C-alpha cells in the first residue's frame, strides 16, 4: 500500500532528525524552516507524527497482508 511506504519514509526522516538532535543538538527541520516554532516546521512535525501513528497500525496487521505485500 502506498500510504504505508509514505508513512515509513516520513517516520525514517523523523528518526534521522531526532538522531541529529540527540547526537549533535542540531534540529534539521528547524534549520531548514528557520526555527522550530515556524508554521512550516510545525506542519512538518505534525505530518511526521501522523506518519508515526499510521506506522503503529503496521504492528497489528494480519501476517497475510505482509506476505502479499512482499510478493508485489
PDB file of N, CA and C in Angstrom:
ATOM      1  N   UNK A   1       0.843  -1.170   0.000  1.00  0.00           N
ATOM      2  CA  UNK A   1       0.000   0.000   0.000  1.00  0.00           C
ATOM      3  C   UNK A   1       0.900   1.249   0.000  1.00  0.00           C
ATOM      4  N   UNK A   2       0.578   2.182  -0.823  1.00  0.00           N
ATOM      5  CA  UNK A   2       1.396   3.388  -0.993  1.00  0.00           C
ATOM      6  C   UNK A   2       1.430   4.230   0.290  1.00  0.00           C
ATOM      7  N   UNK A   3       0.319   4.255   1.015  1.00  0.00           N
ATOM      8  CA  UNK A   3       0.273   5.028   2.255  1.00  0.00           C
ATOM      9  C   UNK A   3       1.273   4.480   3.282  1.00  0.00           C
ATOM     10  N   UNK A   4       1.433   3.163   3.313  1.00  0.00           N
ATOM     11  CA  UNK A   4       2.397   2.549   4.225  1.00  0.00           C
ATOM     12  C   UNK A   4       3.816   3.007   3.906  1.00  0.00           C
ATOM     13  N   UNK A   5       4.154   3.022   2.636  1.00  0.00           N
ATOM     14  CA  UNK A   5       5.503   3.429   2.232  1.00  0.00           C
ATOM     15  C   UNK A   5       5.759   4.908   2.538  1.00  0.00           C
ATOM     16  N   UNK A   6       4.770   5.744   2.275  1.00  0.00           N
ATOM     17  CA  UNK A   6       4.914   7.175   2.577  1.00  0.00           C
ATOM     18  C   UNK A   6       5.102   7.369   4.075  1.00  0.00           C
ATOM     19  N   UNK A   7       4.295   6.667   4.866  1.00  0.00           N
ATOM     20  CA  UNK A   7       4.396   6.777   6.322  1.00  0.00           C
ATOM     21  C   UNK A   7       5.762   6.298   6.804  1.00  0.00           C
ATOM     22  N   UNK A   8       6.257   5.212   6.242  1.00  0.00           N
ATOM     23  CA  UNK A   8       7.571   4.710   6.646  1.00  0.00           C
ATOM     24  C   UNK A   8       8.682   5.695   6.288  1.00  0.00           C
ATOM     25  N   UNK A   9       8.600   6.276   5.110  1.00  0.00           N
ATOM     26  CA  UNK A   9       9.610   7.259   4.690  1.00  0.00           C
ATOM     27  C   UNK A   9       9.601   8.460   5.627  1.00  0.00           C
ATOM     28  N   UNK A  10       8.405   8.969   5.929  1.00  0.00           N
ATOM     29  CA  UNK A  10       8.307  10.125   6.827  1.00  0.00           C
ATOM     30  C   UNK A  10       8.787   9.784   8.235  1.00  0.00           C
ATOM     31  N   UNK A  11       8.497   8.574   8.681  1.00  0.00           N
ATOM     32  CA  UNK A  11       8.950   8.151  10.003  1.00  0.00           C
ATOM     33  C   UNK A  11      10.471   8.034  10.044  1.00  0.00           C
ATOM     34  N   UNK A  12      11.062   7.537   8.980  1.00  0.00           N
ATOM     35  CA  UNK A  12      12.528   7.459   8.901  1.00  0.00           C
ATOM     36  C   UNK A  12      13.135   8.853   8.917  1.00  0.00           C
ATOM     37  N   UNK A  13      12.541   9.775   8.169  1.00  0.00           N
ATOM     38  CA  UNK A  13      13.021  11.159   8.172  1.00  0.00           C
ATOM     39  C   UNK A  13      12.941  11.731   9.589  1.00  0.00           C
ATOM     40  N   UNK A  14      11.845  11.488  10.279  1.00  0.00           N
ATOM     41  CA  UNK A  14      11.704  11.952  11.655  1.00  0.00           C
ATOM     42  C   UNK A  14      12.741  11.325  12.576  1.00  0.00           C
ATOM     43  N   UNK A  15      13.009  10.046  12.383  1.00  0.00           N
ATOM     44  CA  UNK A  15      14.021   9.372  13.207  1.00  0.00           C
ATOM     45  C   UNK A  15      15.404   9.962  12.960  1.00  0.00           C
ATOM     46  N   UNK A  16      15.720  10.255  11.715  1.00  0.00           N
ATOM     47  CA  UNK A  16      17.013  10.868  11.415  1.00  0.00           C
ATOM     48  C   UNK A  16      17.121  12.253  12.038  1.00  0.00           C
ATOM     49  N   UNK A  17      16.028  12.998  12.015  1.00  0.00           N
ATOM     50  CA  UNK A  17      16.033  14.318  12.644  1.00  0.00           C
ATOM     51  C   UNK A  17      16.252  14.182  14.155  1.00  0.00           C
ATOM     52  N   UNK A  18      15.543  13.250  14.793  1.00  0.00           N
ATOM     53  CA  UNK A  18      15.734  13.038  16.229  1.00  0.00           C
ATOM     54  C   UNK A  18      17.151  12.569  16.530  1.00  0.00           C
ATOM     55  N   UNK A  19      17.702  11.744  15.654  1.00  0.00           N
ATOM     56  CA  UNK A  19      19.083  11.300  15.836  1.00  0.00           C
ATOM     57  C   UNK A  19      20.057  12.461  15.782  1.00  0.00           C
ATOM     58  N   UNK A  20      19.829  13.381  14.848  1.00  0.00           N
ATOM     59  CA  UNK A  20      20.718  14.547  14.755  1.00  0.00           C
ATOM     60  C   UNK A  20      20.566  15.461  15.971  1.00  0.00           C
ATOM     61  N   UNK A  21      19.359  15.527  16.524  1.00  0.00           N
ATOM     62  CA  UNK A  21      19.156  16.306  17.742  1.00  0.00           C
ATOM     63  C   UNK A  21      19.882  15.643  18.915  1.00  0.00           C
ATOM     64  N   UNK A  22      19.742  14.334  19.025  1.00  0.00           N
ATOM     65  CA  UNK A  22      20.357  13.620  20.135  1.00  0.00           C
ATOM     66  C   UNK A  22      21.872  13.598  20.075  1.00  0.00           C
ATOM     67  N   UNK A  23      22.412  13.424  18.892  1.00  0.00           N
ATOM     68  CA  UNK A  23      23.864  13.307  18.755  1.00  0.00           C
ATOM     69  C   UNK A  23      24.578  14.651  18.648  1.00  0.00           C
ATOM     70  N   UNK A  24      23.971  15.576  17.916  1.00  0.00           N
ATOM     71  CA  UNK A  24      24.667  16.822  17.591  1.00  0.00           C
ATOM     72  C   UNK A  24      23.970  18.082  18.095  1.00  0.00           C
ATOM     73  N   UNK A  25      22.796  17.901  18.759  1.00  0.00           N
ATOM     74  CA  UNK A  25      21.978  19.049  19.177  1.00  0.00           C
ATOM     75  C   UNK A  25      21.649  19.959  17.997  1.00  0.00           C
ATOM     76  N   UNK A  26      21.356  19.325  16.861  1.00  0.00           N
ATOM     77  CA  UNK A  26      21.062  20.061  15.636  1.00  0.00           C
ATOM     78  C   UNK A  26      19.738  19.583  15.069  1.00  0.00           C
ATOM     79  N   UNK A  27      18.739  20.449  15.046  1.00  0.00           N
ATOM     80  CA  UNK A  27      17.410  20.132  14.523  1.00  0.00           C
ATOM     81  C   UNK A  27      17.372  20.510  13.042  1.00  0.00           C
ATOM     82  N   UNK A  28      17.371  19.496  12.194  1.00  0.00           N
ATOM     83  CA  UNK A  28      17.420  19.717  10.744  1.00  0.00           C
ATOM     84  C   UNK A  28      16.166  20.447  10.263  1.00  0.00           C
ATOM     85  N   UNK A  29      15.002  20.044  10.768  1.00  0.00           N
ATOM     86  CA  UNK A  29      13.750  20.680  10.351  1.00  0.00           C
ATOM     87  C   UNK A  29      13.753  22.162  10.726  1.00  0.00           C
ATOM     88  N   UNK A  30      14.166  22.465  11.938  1.00  0.00           N
ATOM     89  CA  UNK A  30      14.212  23.869  12.373  1.00  0.00           C
ATOM     90  C   UNK A  30      15.217  24.652  11.532  1.00  0.00           C
ATOM     91  N   UNK A  31      16.328  24.040  11.217  1.00  0.00           N
ATOM     92  CA  UNK A  31      17.350  24.706  10.398  1.00  0.00           C
ATOM     93  C   UNK A  31      16.816  25.023   9.001  1.00  0.00           C
ATOM     94  N   UNK A  32      16.115  24.067   8.400  1.00  0.00           N
ATOM     95  CA  UNK A  32      15.580  24.253   7.047  1.00  0.00           C
ATOM     96  C   UNK A  32      14.465  25.295   7.028  1.00  0.00           C
ATOM     97  N   UNK A  33      13.632  25.294   8.068  1.00  0.00           N
ATOM     98  CA  UNK A  33      12.446  26.153   8.060  1.00  0.00           C
ATOM     99  C   UNK A  33      12.631  27.484   8.773  1.00  0.00           C
ATOM    100  N   UNK A  34      13.793  27.697   9.364  1.00  0.00           N
ATOM    101  CA  UNK A  34      14.043  28.970  10.014  1.00  0.00           C
ATOM    102  C   UNK A  34      13.654  29.020  11.478  1.00  0.00           C
ATOM    103  N   UNK A  35      13.453  27.879  12.083  1.00  0.00           N
ATOM    104  CA  UNK A  35      13.123  27.824  13.509  1.00  0.00           C
ATOM    105  C   UNK A  35      12.077  26.772  13.791  1.00  0.00           C
ATOM    106  N   UNK A  36      12.110  26.243  15.000  1.00  0.00           N
ATOM    107  CA  UNK A  36      11.187  25.158  15.336  1.00  0.00           C
ATOM    108  C   UNK A  36       9.769  25.643  15.597  1.00  0.00           C
ATOM    109  N   UNK A  37       9.582  26.941  15.748  1.00  0.00           N
ATOM    110  CA  UNK A  37       8.235  27.461  16.018  1.00  0.00           C
ATOM    111  C   UNK A  37       7.552  28.045  14.783  1.00  0.00           C
ATOM    112  N   UNK A  38       8.204  27.968  13.631  1.00  0.00           N
ATOM    113  CA  UNK A  38       7.568  28.488  12.422  1.00  0.00           C
ATOM    114  C   UNK A  38       6.411  27.580  12.017  1.00  0.00           C
ATOM    115  N   UNK A  39       5.495  28.120  11.278  1.00  0.00           N
ATOM    116  CA  UNK A  39       4.330  27.348  10.846  1.00  0.00           C
ATOM    117  C   UNK A  39       4.751  26.139  10.019  1.00  0.00           C
ATOM    118  N   UNK A  40       5.693  26.334   9.097  1.00  0.00           N
ATOM    119  CA  UNK A  40       6.137  25.222   8.256  1.00  0.00           C
ATOM    120  C   UNK A  40       6.772  24.114   9.086  1.00  0.00           C
ATOM    121  N   UNK A  41       7.589  24.462  10.065  1.00  0.00           N
ATOM    122  CA  UNK A  41       8.204  23.454  10.935  1.00  0.00           C
ATOM    123  C   UNK A  41       7.134  22.693  11.708  1.00  0.00           C
ATOM    124  N   UNK A  42       6.151  23.402  12.227  1.00  0.00           N
ATOM    125  CA  UNK A  42       5.089  22.743  12.983  1.00  0.00           C
ATOM    126  C   UNK A  42       4.270  21.811  12.091  1.00  0.00           C
ATOM    127  N   UNK A  43       4.069  22.185  10.830  1.00  0.00           N
ATOM    128  CA  UNK A  43       3.363  21.311   9.892  1.00  0.00           C
ATOM    129  C   UNK A  43       4.181  20.055   9.638  1.00  0.00           C
ATOM    130  N   UNK A  44       5.485  20.214   9.418  1.00  0.00           N
ATOM    131  CA  UNK A  44       6.353  19.057   9.177  1.00  0.00           C
ATOM    132  C   UNK A  44       6.350  18.129  10.387  1.00  0.00           C
ATOM    133  N   UNK A  45       6.510  18.690  11.593  1.00  0.00           N
ATOM    134  CA  UNK A  45       6.496  17.870  12.807  1.00  0.00           C
ATOM    135  C   UNK A  45       5.176  17.112  12.939  1.00  0.00           C
ATOM    136  N   UNK A  46       4.070  17.776  12.611  1.00  0.00           N
ATOM    137  CA  UNK A  46       2.758  17.142  12.723  1.00  0.00           C
ATOM    138  C   UNK A  46       2.585  16.030  11.702  1.00  0.00           C
ATOM    139  N   UNK A  47       3.005  16.257  10.472  1.00  0.00           N
ATOM    140  CA  UNK A  47       2.891  15.225   9.432  1.00  0.00           C
ATOM    141  C   UNK A  47       3.746  14.007   9.782  1.00  0.00           C
ATOM    142  N   UNK A  48       4.938  14.237  10.289  1.00  0.00           N
ATOM    143  CA  UNK A  48       5.801  13.121  10.695  1.00  0.00           C
ATOM    144  C   UNK A  48       5.172  12.368  11.867  1.00  0.00           C
ATOM    145  N   UNK A  49       4.589  13.082  12.809  1.00  0.00           N
ATOM    146  CA  UNK A  49       3.921  12.426  13.936  1.00  0.00           C
ATOM    147  C   UNK A  49       2.736  11.588  13.469  1.00  0.00           C
ATOM    148  N   UNK A  50       1.964  12.104  12.529  1.00  0.00           N
ATOM    149  CA  UNK A  50       0.841  11.339  11.983  1.00  0.00           C
ATOM    150  C   UNK A  50       1.330  10.096  11.251  1.00  0.00           C
ATOM    151  N   UNK A  51       2.461  10.221  10.558  1.00  0.00           N
ATOM    152  CA  UNK A  51       3.047   9.056   9.887  1.00  0.00           C
ATOM    153  C   UNK A  51       3.458   8.006  10.913  1.00  0.00           C
ATOM    154  N   UNK A  52       4.014   8.453  12.030  1.00  0.00           N
ATOM    155  CA  UNK A  52       4.380   7.513  13.089  1.00  0.00           C
ATOM    156  C   UNK A  52       3.165   6.800  13.659  1.00  0.00           C
ATOM    157  N   UNK A  53       2.088   7.533  13.838  1.00  0.00           N
ATOM    158  CA  UNK A  53       0.846   6.925  14.324  1.00  0.00           C
ATOM    159  C   UNK A  53       0.330   5.911  13.313  1.00  0.00           C
ATOM    160  N   UNK A  54       0.414   6.241  12.033  1.00  0.00           N
ATOM    161  CA  UNK A  54      -0.008   5.311  10.984  1.00  0.00           C
ATOM    162  C   UNK A  54       0.828   4.031  11.050  1.00  0.00           C
ATOM    163  N   UNK A  55       2.123   4.176  11.304  1.00  0.00           N
ATOM    164  CA  UNK A  55       3.014   3.013  11.351  1.00  0.00           C
ATOM    165  C   UNK A  55       2.685   2.080  12.504  1.00  0.00           C
ATOM    166  N   UNK A  56       2.039   2.594  13.543  1.00  0.00           N
ATOM    167  CA  UNK A  56       1.597   1.720  14.631  1.00  0.00           C
ATOM    168  C   UNK A  56       0.661   0.654  14.088  1.00  0.00           C
ATOM    169  N   UNK A  57      -0.160   1.017  13.111  1.00  0.00           N
ATOM    170  CA  UNK A  57      -1.106   0.051  12.533  1.00  0.00           C
ATOM    171  C   UNK A  57      -0.387  -1.107  11.852  1.00  0.00           C
ATOM    172  N   UNK A  58       0.847  -0.891  11.409  1.00  0.00           N
ATOM    173  CA  UNK A  58       1.605  -1.977  10.771  1.00  0.00           C
ATOM    174  C   UNK A  58       1.878  -3.116  11.750  1.00  0.00           C
ATOM    175  N   UNK A  59       1.968  -2.792  13.024  1.00  0.00           N
ATOM    176  CA  UNK A  59       2.235  -3.816  14.031  1.00  0.00           C
ATOM    177  C   UNK A  59       1.064  -4.763  14.233  1.00  0.00           C
ATOM    178  N   UNK A  60      -0.140  -4.310  13.928  1.00  0.00           N
ATOM    179  CA  UNK A  60      -1.334  -5.075  14.244  1.00  0.00           C
ATOM    180  C   UNK A  60      -2.019  -5.682  13.023  1.00  0.00           C
ATOM    181  N   UNK A  61      -1.379  -5.600  11.876  1.00  0.00           N
ATOM    182  CA  UNK A  61      -1.994  -6.180  10.677  1.00  0.00           C
ATOM    183  C   UNK A  61      -1.745  -7.683  10.611  1.00  0.00           C
ATOM    184  N   UNK A  62      -2.624  -8.361   9.884  1.00  0.00           N
ATOM    185  CA  UNK A  62      -2.502  -9.818   9.743  1.00  0.00           C
ATOM    186  C   UNK A  62      -1.246 -10.175   8.951  1.00  0.00           C
ATOM    187  N   UNK A  63      -0.677 -11.333   9.233  1.00  0.00           N
ATOM    188  CA  UNK A  63       0.522 -11.792   8.529  1.00  0.00           C
ATOM    189  C   UNK A  63       0.283 -11.926   7.028  1.00  0.00           C
ATOM    190  N   UNK A  64      -0.915 -12.298   6.637  1.00  0.00           N
ATOM    191  CA  UNK A  64      -1.216 -12.458   5.216  1.00  0.00           C
ATOM    192  C   UNK A  64      -1.032 -11.154   4.458  1.00  0.00           C
ATOM    193  N   UNK A  65      -1.338 -10.044   5.104  1.00  0.00           N
ATOM    194  CA  UNK A  65      -1.175  -8.740   4.472  1.00  0.00           C
ATOM    195  C   UNK A  65       0.286  -8.509   4.128  1.00  0.00           C
ATOM    196  N   UNK A  66       1.181  -8.868   5.040  1.00  0.00           N
ATOM    197  CA  UNK A  66       2.601  -8.679   4.798  1.00  0.00           C
ATOM    198  C   UNK A  66       3.119  -9.646   3.752  1.00  0.00           C
ATOM    199  N   UNK A  67       2.597 -10.876   3.728  1.00  0.00           N
ATOM    200  CA  UNK A  67       3.040 -11.833   2.712  1.00  0.00           C
ATOM    201  C   UNK A  67       2.645 -11.359   1.324  1.00  0.00           C
ATOM    202  N   UNK A  68       1.439 -10.865   1.148  1.00  0.00           N
ATOM    203  CA  UNK A  68       1.016 -10.380  -0.154  1.00  0.00           C
ATOM    204  C   UNK A  68       1.769  -9.094  -0.520  1.00  0.00           C
ATOM    205  N   UNK A  69       2.113  -8.301   0.482  1.00  0.00           N
ATOM    206  CA  UNK A  69       2.876  -7.075   0.252  1.00  0.00           C
ATOM    207  C   UNK A  69       4.281  -7.410  -0.255  1.00  0.00           C
ATOM    208  N   UNK A  70       4.908  -8.458   0.305  1.00  0.00           N
ATOM    209  CA  UNK A  70       6.243  -8.856  -0.108  1.00  0.00           C
ATOM    210  C   UNK A  70       6.262  -9.442  -1.518  1.00  0.00           C
ATOM    211  N   UNK A  71       5.172 -10.048  -1.925  1.00  0.00           N
ATOM    212  CA  UNK A  71       5.117 -10.660  -3.254  1.00  0.00           C
ATOM    213  C   UNK A  71       5.004  -9.624  -4.352  1.00  0.00           C
ATOM    214  N   UNK A  72       4.557  -8.423  -4.044  1.00  0.00           N
ATOM    215  CA  UNK A  72       4.384  -7.373  -5.062  1.00  0.00           C
ATOM    216  C   UNK A  72       5.644  -6.655  -5.345  1.00  0.00           C
TER     217      UNK A  72
END
